[in-house]
Amino acid sequence: MNKSQIENSQEKLNRLAWLMDSSFRIPGTQIRFGLDGIIGLIPGFGDALGALISSHILTQAAQMGAPKSILLKMAFNIGFDAVLGIVPVVGDVSDLIWKANQRNVQLLNDYLNQPEKTVIHSRLFVGILGLLGFGLMILIGFFGFLVMRWLWLSVQ
């Protein structure tokens, strides 16, 4: 993509993020929410539809040449928002706080303005996330071992 196409895409993505995360204000407060919060109220597939719309930002970032570490961080933001959205009430409150679309557009804008710094931060995030995932697997395996040991000893 050339520079004018990237700038045009950035503007469209900024508008999409605003529409999905901050286009409405609760009267008398500074609390903002968007279509993502409204779509998320639809039981069953609302959060999946919100994640599908959010993935457009991810796709555009890939077309703009964002590295995998940034794309992974963006995918985490979308997935975290979708998983929180599954939980009644918690998901609705998280739409007021998390704002995955605005986070992702800001991440993309930061990458386009300061690529080295943004890549380092996103690699660090992905590395920490990988270590946490590995630690969780070890922890689950350890508890599985303890349960199997307990069952084995209780049978004898």
N, C-alpha and C. Protein backbone atom coordinates (compact mmCIF):
# COMPACT_ATOMS: atom_id res chain seq x y z
N MET A 1 0.85 -1.18 0.00
CA MET A 1 0.00 0.00 0.00
C MET A 1 0.89 1.24 0.00
N ASN A 2 0.47 2.24 -0.76
CA ASN A 2 1.24 3.48 -0.74
C ASN A 2 0.78 4.37 0.41
N LYS A 3 1.47 5.48 0.60
CA LYS A 3 1.22 6.35 1.76
C LYS A 3 -0.20 6.90 1.79
N SER A 4 -0.73 7.31 0.66
CA SER A 4 -2.09 7.87 0.65
C SER A 4 -3.14 6.79 0.95
N GLN A 5 -2.90 5.57 0.48
CA GLN A 5 -3.83 4.48 0.79
C GLN A 5 -3.79 4.14 2.28
N ILE A 6 -2.59 4.17 2.84
CA ILE A 6 -2.46 3.89 4.27
C ILE A 6 -3.16 4.95 5.09
N GLU A 7 -2.98 6.23 4.73
CA GLU A 7 -3.65 7.32 5.46
C GLU A 7 -5.16 7.22 5.32
N ASN A 8 -5.64 6.87 4.14
CA ASN A 8 -7.08 6.69 3.92
C ASN A 8 -7.62 5.54 4.77
N SER A 9 -6.87 4.43 4.81
CA SER A 9 -7.28 3.29 5.62
C SER A 9 -7.25 3.63 7.10
N GLN A 10 -6.24 4.37 7.52
CA GLN A 10 -6.16 4.78 8.93
C GLN A 10 -7.40 5.58 9.34
N GLU A 11 -7.80 6.50 8.50
CA GLU A 11 -8.97 7.33 8.81
C GLU A 11 -10.22 6.47 8.91
N LYS A 12 -10.39 5.53 7.99
CA LYS A 12 -11.56 4.65 8.02
C LYS A 12 -11.54 3.77 9.27
N LEU A 13 -10.36 3.27 9.63
CA LEU A 13 -10.26 2.42 10.81
C LEU A 13 -10.51 3.21 12.09
N ASN A 14 -10.05 4.46 12.13
CA ASN A 14 -10.34 5.32 13.28
C ASN A 14 -11.84 5.52 13.44
N ARG A 15 -12.53 5.74 12.33
CA ARG A 15 -13.99 5.91 12.39
C ARG A 15 -14.69 4.63 12.81
N LEU A 16 -14.22 3.48 12.30
CA LEU A 16 -14.81 2.20 12.67
C LEU A 16 -14.63 1.94 14.17
N ALA A 17 -13.44 2.20 14.68
CA ALA A 17 -13.17 2.00 16.11
C ALA A 17 -14.04 2.91 16.95
N TRP A 18 -14.19 4.17 16.54
CA TRP A 18 -15.05 5.09 17.27
C TRP A 18 -16.50 4.60 17.25
N LEU A 19 -16.97 4.17 16.09
CA LEU A 19 -18.34 3.68 15.96
C LEU A 19 -18.58 2.45 16.83
N MET A 20 -17.63 1.54 16.85
CA MET A 20 -17.79 0.30 17.60
C MET A 20 -17.60 0.48 19.11
N ASP A 21 -16.79 1.46 19.53
CA ASP A 21 -16.44 1.56 20.95
C ASP A 21 -16.89 2.83 21.67
N SER A 22 -17.14 3.92 20.97
CA SER A 22 -17.35 5.19 21.68
C SER A 22 -18.38 6.12 21.05
N SER A 23 -19.23 5.63 20.20
CA SER A 23 -20.12 6.53 19.46
C SER A 23 -21.30 7.05 20.29
N PHE A 24 -21.60 6.43 21.41
CA PHE A 24 -22.71 6.88 22.26
C PHE A 24 -22.17 7.24 23.64
N ARG A 25 -22.86 8.19 24.29
CA ARG A 25 -22.48 8.60 25.64
C ARG A 25 -23.68 8.42 26.55
N ILE A 26 -23.42 7.87 27.73
CA ILE A 26 -24.49 7.75 28.72
C ILE A 26 -24.75 9.16 29.24
N PRO A 27 -26.01 9.65 29.11
CA PRO A 27 -26.32 11.04 29.51
C PRO A 27 -25.93 11.33 30.96
N GLY A 28 -25.33 12.48 31.15
CA GLY A 28 -24.93 12.92 32.48
C GLY A 28 -23.60 12.35 32.96
N THR A 29 -22.94 11.56 32.11
CA THR A 29 -21.65 10.98 32.48
C THR A 29 -20.67 11.18 31.32
N GLN A 30 -19.45 10.79 31.57
CA GLN A 30 -18.44 10.79 30.50
C GLN A 30 -18.23 9.38 29.95
N ILE A 31 -19.08 8.43 30.35
CA ILE A 31 -18.95 7.04 29.94
C ILE A 31 -19.47 6.88 28.51
N ARG A 32 -18.63 6.31 27.68
CA ARG A 32 -18.98 6.12 26.27
C ARG A 32 -19.00 4.64 25.93
N PHE A 33 -19.84 4.27 24.98
CA PHE A 33 -19.91 2.91 24.47
C PHE A 33 -20.28 3.00 23.00
N GLY A 34 -20.18 1.90 22.31
CA GLY A 34 -20.46 1.91 20.88
C GLY A 34 -21.33 0.74 20.46
N LEU A 35 -21.35 0.50 19.17
CA LEU A 35 -22.17 -0.57 18.63
C LEU A 35 -21.74 -1.94 19.13
N ASP A 36 -20.46 -2.10 19.47
CA ASP A 36 -19.98 -3.37 19.99
C ASP A 36 -20.74 -3.74 21.27
N GLY A 37 -20.96 -2.77 22.14
CA GLY A 37 -21.71 -3.01 23.37
C GLY A 37 -23.16 -3.35 23.10
N ILE A 38 -23.75 -2.72 22.08
CA ILE A 38 -25.15 -3.00 21.75
C ILE A 38 -25.28 -4.36 21.07
N ILE A 39 -24.38 -4.64 20.12
CA ILE A 39 -24.40 -5.93 19.43
C ILE A 39 -24.16 -7.06 20.43
N GLY A 40 -23.28 -6.81 21.41
CA GLY A 40 -22.95 -7.82 22.42
C GLY A 40 -24.13 -8.22 23.29
N LEU A 41 -25.18 -7.42 23.31
CA LEU A 41 -26.37 -7.76 24.10
C LEU A 41 -27.20 -8.86 23.45
N ILE A 42 -26.98 -9.14 22.17
CA ILE A 42 -27.72 -10.19 21.48
C ILE A 42 -27.20 -11.54 21.97
N PRO A 43 -28.06 -12.33 22.62
CA PRO A 43 -27.60 -13.62 23.15
C PRO A 43 -27.15 -14.57 22.04
N GLY A 44 -26.12 -15.32 22.35
CA GLY A 44 -25.68 -16.35 21.42
C GLY A 44 -24.61 -15.91 20.46
N PHE A 45 -24.93 -14.99 19.58
CA PHE A 45 -23.95 -14.66 18.54
C PHE A 45 -23.54 -13.19 18.51
N GLY A 46 -24.00 -12.39 19.45
CA GLY A 46 -23.67 -10.96 19.45
C GLY A 46 -22.19 -10.69 19.60
N ASP A 47 -21.56 -11.38 20.54
CA ASP A 47 -20.12 -11.16 20.76
C ASP A 47 -19.29 -11.72 19.61
N ALA A 48 -19.75 -12.82 19.02
CA ALA A 48 -19.05 -13.37 17.85
C ALA A 48 -19.14 -12.40 16.67
N LEU A 49 -20.30 -11.77 16.50
CA LEU A 49 -20.46 -10.79 15.43
C LEU A 49 -19.57 -9.57 15.69
N GLY A 50 -19.49 -9.13 16.94
CA GLY A 50 -18.61 -8.02 17.29
C GLY A 50 -17.15 -8.35 17.01
N ALA A 51 -16.74 -9.58 17.33
CA ALA A 51 -15.36 -10.01 17.06
C ALA A 51 -15.09 -10.09 15.56
N LEU A 52 -16.09 -10.51 14.81
CA LEU A 52 -15.94 -10.58 13.35
C LEU A 52 -15.74 -9.18 12.77
N ILE A 53 -16.51 -8.23 13.24
CA ILE A 53 -16.35 -6.84 12.77
C ILE A 53 -14.99 -6.31 13.20
N SER A 54 -14.59 -6.61 14.43
CA SER A 54 -13.29 -6.16 14.94
C SER A 54 -12.13 -6.74 14.14
N SER A 55 -12.32 -7.94 13.61
CA SER A 55 -11.23 -8.57 12.85
C SER A 55 -10.93 -7.83 11.55
N HIS A 56 -11.82 -6.95 11.11
CA HIS A 56 -11.53 -6.13 9.93
C HIS A 56 -10.31 -5.24 10.18
N ILE A 57 -10.19 -4.72 11.39
CA ILE A 57 -9.04 -3.89 11.75
C ILE A 57 -7.76 -4.73 11.68
N LEU A 58 -7.84 -5.94 12.17
CA LEU A 58 -6.71 -6.86 12.13
C LEU A 58 -6.29 -7.15 10.69
N THR A 59 -7.27 -7.40 9.83
CA THR A 59 -7.00 -7.68 8.43
C THR A 59 -6.33 -6.48 7.74
N GLN A 60 -6.84 -5.30 8.02
CA GLN A 60 -6.25 -4.09 7.43
C GLN A 60 -4.82 -3.87 7.92
N ALA A 61 -4.59 -4.15 9.21
CA ALA A 61 -3.23 -4.01 9.75
C ALA A 61 -2.27 -4.96 9.05
N ALA A 62 -2.73 -6.17 8.77
CA ALA A 62 -1.89 -7.13 8.05
C ALA A 62 -1.59 -6.63 6.65
N GLN A 63 -2.58 -6.05 5.98
CA GLN A 63 -2.37 -5.53 4.63
C GLN A 63 -1.44 -4.33 4.63
N MET A 64 -1.40 -3.60 5.76
CA MET A 64 -0.50 -2.45 5.87
C MET A 64 0.92 -2.87 6.24
N GLY A 65 1.13 -4.16 6.45
CA GLY A 65 2.46 -4.65 6.72
C GLY A 65 2.85 -4.74 8.18
N ALA A 66 1.88 -4.72 9.08
CA ALA A 66 2.20 -4.84 10.51
C ALA A 66 2.81 -6.21 10.79
N PRO A 67 3.85 -6.26 11.63
CA PRO A 67 4.50 -7.54 11.91
C PRO A 67 3.60 -8.47 12.74
N LYS A 68 3.98 -9.74 12.76
CA LYS A 68 3.18 -10.76 13.43
C LYS A 68 2.98 -10.48 14.91
N SER A 69 3.98 -9.93 15.58
CA SER A 69 3.84 -9.67 17.02
C SER A 69 2.74 -8.65 17.28
N ILE A 70 2.61 -7.66 16.43
CA ILE A 70 1.55 -6.67 16.59
C ILE A 70 0.20 -7.30 16.24
N LEU A 71 0.17 -8.11 15.19
CA LEU A 71 -1.08 -8.79 14.83
C LEU A 71 -1.53 -9.73 15.93
N LEU A 72 -0.58 -10.41 16.59
CA LEU A 72 -0.93 -11.29 17.70
C LEU A 72 -1.50 -10.51 18.88
N LYS A 73 -0.91 -9.36 19.15
CA LYS A 73 -1.42 -8.52 20.25
C LYS A 73 -2.83 -8.02 19.91
N MET A 74 -3.06 -7.67 18.67
CA MET A 74 -4.39 -7.23 18.24
C MET A 74 -5.39 -8.39 18.35
N ALA A 75 -4.96 -9.58 17.93
CA ALA A 75 -5.84 -10.75 18.04
C ALA A 75 -6.16 -11.05 19.50
N PHE A 76 -5.19 -10.87 20.38
CA PHE A 76 -5.44 -11.05 21.81
C PHE A 76 -6.51 -10.07 22.29
N ASN A 77 -6.40 -8.81 21.89
CA ASN A 77 -7.39 -7.80 22.29
C ASN A 77 -8.80 -8.20 21.85
N ILE A 78 -8.92 -8.67 20.61
CA ILE A 78 -10.21 -9.09 20.08
C ILE A 78 -10.72 -10.33 20.83
N GLY A 79 -9.85 -11.31 21.01
CA GLY A 79 -10.24 -12.54 21.70
C GLY A 79 -10.62 -12.29 23.14
N PHE A 80 -9.85 -11.46 23.83
CA PHE A 80 -10.15 -11.14 25.23
C PHE A 80 -11.51 -10.47 25.34
N ASP A 81 -11.79 -9.54 24.44
CA ASP A 81 -13.09 -8.85 24.42
C ASP A 81 -14.22 -9.85 24.17
N ALA A 82 -14.00 -10.78 23.23
CA ALA A 82 -15.04 -11.76 22.90
C ALA A 82 -15.27 -12.74 24.05
N VAL A 83 -14.19 -13.19 24.69
CA VAL A 83 -14.34 -14.13 25.81
C VAL A 83 -15.02 -13.46 26.99
N LEU A 84 -14.64 -12.23 27.31
CA LEU A 84 -15.32 -11.52 28.38
C LEU A 84 -16.79 -11.30 28.05
N GLY A 85 -17.08 -11.08 26.77
CA GLY A 85 -18.46 -10.84 26.34
C GLY A 85 -19.38 -12.03 26.54
N ILE A 86 -18.81 -13.22 26.64
CA ILE A 86 -19.63 -14.42 26.86
C ILE A 86 -20.26 -14.41 28.25
N VAL A 87 -19.57 -13.82 29.23
CA VAL A 87 -20.04 -13.83 30.61
C VAL A 87 -21.10 -12.74 30.78
N PRO A 88 -22.32 -13.14 31.19
CA PRO A 88 -23.37 -12.14 31.37
C PRO A 88 -22.95 -11.05 32.36
N VAL A 89 -23.34 -9.86 32.13
CA VAL A 89 -23.07 -8.65 32.91
C VAL A 89 -21.60 -8.26 32.82
N VAL A 90 -20.67 -9.18 33.09
CA VAL A 90 -19.24 -8.89 33.01
C VAL A 90 -18.90 -8.44 31.59
N GLY A 91 -19.44 -9.13 30.60
CA GLY A 91 -19.19 -8.78 29.21
C GLY A 91 -19.71 -7.40 28.85
N ASP A 92 -20.87 -7.07 29.38
CA ASP A 92 -21.45 -5.77 29.09
C ASP A 92 -20.64 -4.64 29.74
N VAL A 93 -20.17 -4.87 30.95
CA VAL A 93 -19.33 -3.88 31.62
C VAL A 93 -17.98 -3.78 30.93
N SER A 94 -17.45 -4.91 30.47
CA SER A 94 -16.14 -4.88 29.81
C SER A 94 -16.17 -4.07 28.52
N ASP A 95 -17.32 -4.03 27.86
CA ASP A 95 -17.43 -3.21 26.64
C ASP A 95 -17.26 -1.73 26.95
N LEU A 96 -17.58 -1.32 28.17
CA LEU A 96 -17.39 0.07 28.56
C LEU A 96 -15.93 0.36 28.90
N ILE A 97 -15.17 -0.67 29.25
CA ILE A 97 -13.80 -0.48 29.73
C ILE A 97 -12.74 -0.88 28.71
N TRP A 98 -12.86 -2.08 28.13
CA TRP A 98 -11.78 -2.66 27.33
C TRP A 98 -11.57 -1.96 25.99
N LYS A 99 -12.61 -1.75 25.21
CA LYS A 99 -12.56 -1.04 23.93
C LYS A 99 -11.44 -1.58 23.02
N ALA A 100 -11.59 -2.84 22.63
CA ALA A 100 -10.57 -3.53 21.84
C ALA A 100 -10.30 -2.85 20.50
N ASN A 101 -11.33 -2.32 19.86
CA ASN A 101 -11.14 -1.69 18.55
C ASN A 101 -10.26 -0.45 18.65
N GLN A 102 -10.52 0.37 19.65
CA GLN A 102 -9.70 1.57 19.81
C GLN A 102 -8.27 1.21 20.22
N ARG A 103 -8.12 0.16 21.03
CA ARG A 103 -6.78 -0.30 21.40
C ARG A 103 -6.02 -0.74 20.13
N ASN A 104 -6.71 -1.49 19.27
CA ASN A 104 -6.05 -2.01 18.08
C ASN A 104 -5.71 -0.91 17.09
N VAL A 105 -6.59 0.04 16.90
CA VAL A 105 -6.30 1.15 15.99
C VAL A 105 -5.15 1.99 16.54
N GLN A 106 -5.15 2.20 17.85
CA GLN A 106 -4.05 2.95 18.45
C GLN A 106 -2.73 2.20 18.30
N LEU A 107 -2.77 0.89 18.45
CA LEU A 107 -1.58 0.06 18.27
C LEU A 107 -1.07 0.17 16.83
N LEU A 108 -1.98 0.12 15.87
CA LEU A 108 -1.60 0.25 14.46
C LEU A 108 -1.03 1.65 14.18
N ASN A 109 -1.68 2.68 14.69
CA ASN A 109 -1.19 4.05 14.50
C ASN A 109 0.20 4.23 15.13
N ASP A 110 0.39 3.65 16.32
CA ASP A 110 1.70 3.72 16.96
C ASP A 110 2.75 3.02 16.11
N TYR A 111 2.38 1.87 15.55
CA TYR A 111 3.33 1.15 14.69
C TYR A 111 3.70 1.98 13.46
N LEU A 112 2.71 2.61 12.85
CA LEU A 112 2.99 3.39 11.65
C LEU A 112 3.83 4.63 11.96
N ASN A 113 3.70 5.17 13.19
CA ASN A 113 4.47 6.36 13.57
C ASN A 113 5.82 6.03 14.18
N GLN A 114 5.89 4.98 15.01
CA GLN A 114 7.13 4.58 15.68
C GLN A 114 7.27 3.06 15.60
N PRO A 115 7.64 2.54 14.44
CA PRO A 115 7.64 1.09 14.26
C PRO A 115 8.56 0.31 15.22
N GLU A 116 9.77 0.80 15.45
CA GLU A 116 10.71 0.04 16.28
C GLU A 116 10.21 -0.11 17.70
N LYS A 117 9.78 0.98 18.30
CA LYS A 117 9.32 0.97 19.69
C LYS A 117 8.08 0.09 19.84
N THR A 118 7.15 0.19 18.93
CA THR A 118 5.90 -0.57 19.00
C THR A 118 6.17 -2.06 18.82
N VAL A 119 7.07 -2.41 17.91
CA VAL A 119 7.40 -3.82 17.70
C VAL A 119 8.05 -4.41 18.94
N ILE A 120 8.95 -3.68 19.58
CA ILE A 120 9.60 -4.17 20.79
C ILE A 120 8.57 -4.42 21.89
N HIS A 121 7.66 -3.47 22.09
CA HIS A 121 6.63 -3.63 23.12
C HIS A 121 5.70 -4.80 22.82
N SER A 122 5.32 -4.96 21.56
CA SER A 122 4.40 -6.05 21.21
C SER A 122 5.11 -7.40 21.33
N ARG A 123 6.40 -7.47 20.98
CA ARG A 123 7.14 -8.72 21.15
C ARG A 123 7.26 -9.09 22.62
N LEU A 124 7.50 -8.10 23.45
CA LEU A 124 7.57 -8.33 24.89
C LEU A 124 6.23 -8.86 25.40
N PHE A 125 5.14 -8.25 24.96
CA PHE A 125 3.80 -8.69 25.36
C PHE A 125 3.55 -10.13 24.93
N VAL A 126 3.86 -10.45 23.68
CA VAL A 126 3.64 -11.80 23.16
C VAL A 126 4.52 -12.80 23.91
N GLY A 127 5.75 -12.42 24.23
CA GLY A 127 6.63 -13.30 24.98
C GLY A 127 6.11 -13.59 26.38
N ILE A 128 5.66 -12.56 27.06
CA ILE A 128 5.09 -12.73 28.40
C ILE A 128 3.83 -13.59 28.33
N LEU A 129 3.00 -13.34 27.33
CA LEU A 129 1.78 -14.13 27.16
C LEU A 129 2.12 -15.60 26.90
N GLY A 130 3.14 -15.85 26.10
CA GLY A 130 3.59 -17.22 25.85
C GLY A 130 4.09 -17.89 27.12
N LEU A 131 4.87 -17.16 27.92
CA LEU A 131 5.35 -17.72 29.19
C LEU A 131 4.19 -18.02 30.14
N LEU A 132 3.22 -17.13 30.20
CA LEU A 132 2.04 -17.38 31.04
C LEU A 132 1.26 -18.61 30.56
N GLY A 133 1.12 -18.74 29.26
CA GLY A 133 0.44 -19.91 28.69
C GLY A 133 1.19 -21.19 29.00
N PHE A 134 2.50 -21.16 28.86
CA PHE A 134 3.33 -22.33 29.18
C PHE A 134 3.22 -22.67 30.67
N GLY A 135 3.28 -21.65 31.52
CA GLY A 135 3.14 -21.87 32.96
C GLY A 135 1.79 -22.46 33.32
N LEU A 136 0.75 -21.99 32.64
CA LEU A 136 -0.59 -22.53 32.88
C LEU A 136 -0.66 -24.00 32.47
N MET A 137 -0.05 -24.35 31.36
CA MET A 137 -0.02 -25.76 30.94
C MET A 137 0.70 -26.62 31.97
N ILE A 138 1.83 -26.13 32.48
CA ILE A 138 2.58 -26.86 33.51
C ILE A 138 1.72 -27.02 34.77
N LEU A 139 1.05 -25.96 35.17
CA LEU A 139 0.19 -25.99 36.35
C LEU A 139 -0.96 -26.98 36.19
N ILE A 140 -1.60 -26.98 35.04
CA ILE A 140 -2.68 -27.93 34.78
C ILE A 140 -2.15 -29.36 34.78
N GLY A 141 -1.00 -29.56 34.17
CA GLY A 141 -0.38 -30.89 34.18
C GLY A 141 -0.05 -31.35 35.58
N PHE A 142 0.46 -30.45 36.40
CA PHE A 142 0.80 -30.78 37.78
C PHE A 142 -0.45 -31.17 38.57
N PHE A 143 -1.51 -30.38 38.45
CA PHE A 143 -2.75 -30.72 39.15
C PHE A 143 -3.36 -32.02 38.61
N GLY A 144 -3.24 -32.25 37.33
CA GLY A 144 -3.70 -33.52 36.75
C GLY A 144 -2.93 -34.69 37.33
N PHE A 145 -1.61 -34.51 37.47
CA PHE A 145 -0.78 -35.55 38.09
C PHE A 145 -1.22 -35.80 39.52
N LEU A 146 -1.45 -34.73 40.29
CA LEU A 146 -1.87 -34.90 41.68
C LEU A 146 -3.22 -35.62 41.79
N VAL A 147 -4.15 -35.29 40.92
CA VAL A 147 -5.46 -35.95 40.93
C VAL A 147 -5.31 -37.43 40.58
N MET A 148 -4.52 -37.74 39.57
CA MET A 148 -4.31 -39.13 39.18
C MET A 148 -3.61 -39.90 40.30
N ARG A 149 -2.66 -39.29 40.96
CA ARG A 149 -1.95 -39.92 42.07
C ARG A 149 -2.91 -40.20 43.21
N TRP A 150 -3.74 -39.20 43.53
CA TRP A 150 -4.73 -39.36 44.59
C TRP A 150 -5.70 -40.49 44.26
N LEU A 151 -6.17 -40.53 43.00
CA LEU A 151 -7.09 -41.61 42.59
C LEU A 151 -6.41 -42.97 42.67
N TRP A 152 -5.16 -43.04 42.24
CA TRP A 152 -4.41 -44.30 42.25
C TRP A 152 -4.23 -44.82 43.69
N LEU A 153 -3.86 -43.91 44.59
CA LEU A 153 -3.63 -44.30 45.97
C LEU A 153 -4.93 -44.61 46.71
N SER A 154 -6.02 -43.97 46.32
CA SER A 154 -7.30 -44.24 47.00
C SER A 154 -7.91 -45.55 46.57
N VAL A 155 -7.55 -46.07 45.40
CA VAL A 155 -8.08 -47.34 44.91
C VAL A 155 -7.41 -48.50 45.63
N GLN A 156 -6.15 -48.34 45.98
CA GLN A 156 -5.41 -49.45 46.60
C GLN A 156 -5.77 -49.66 48.01
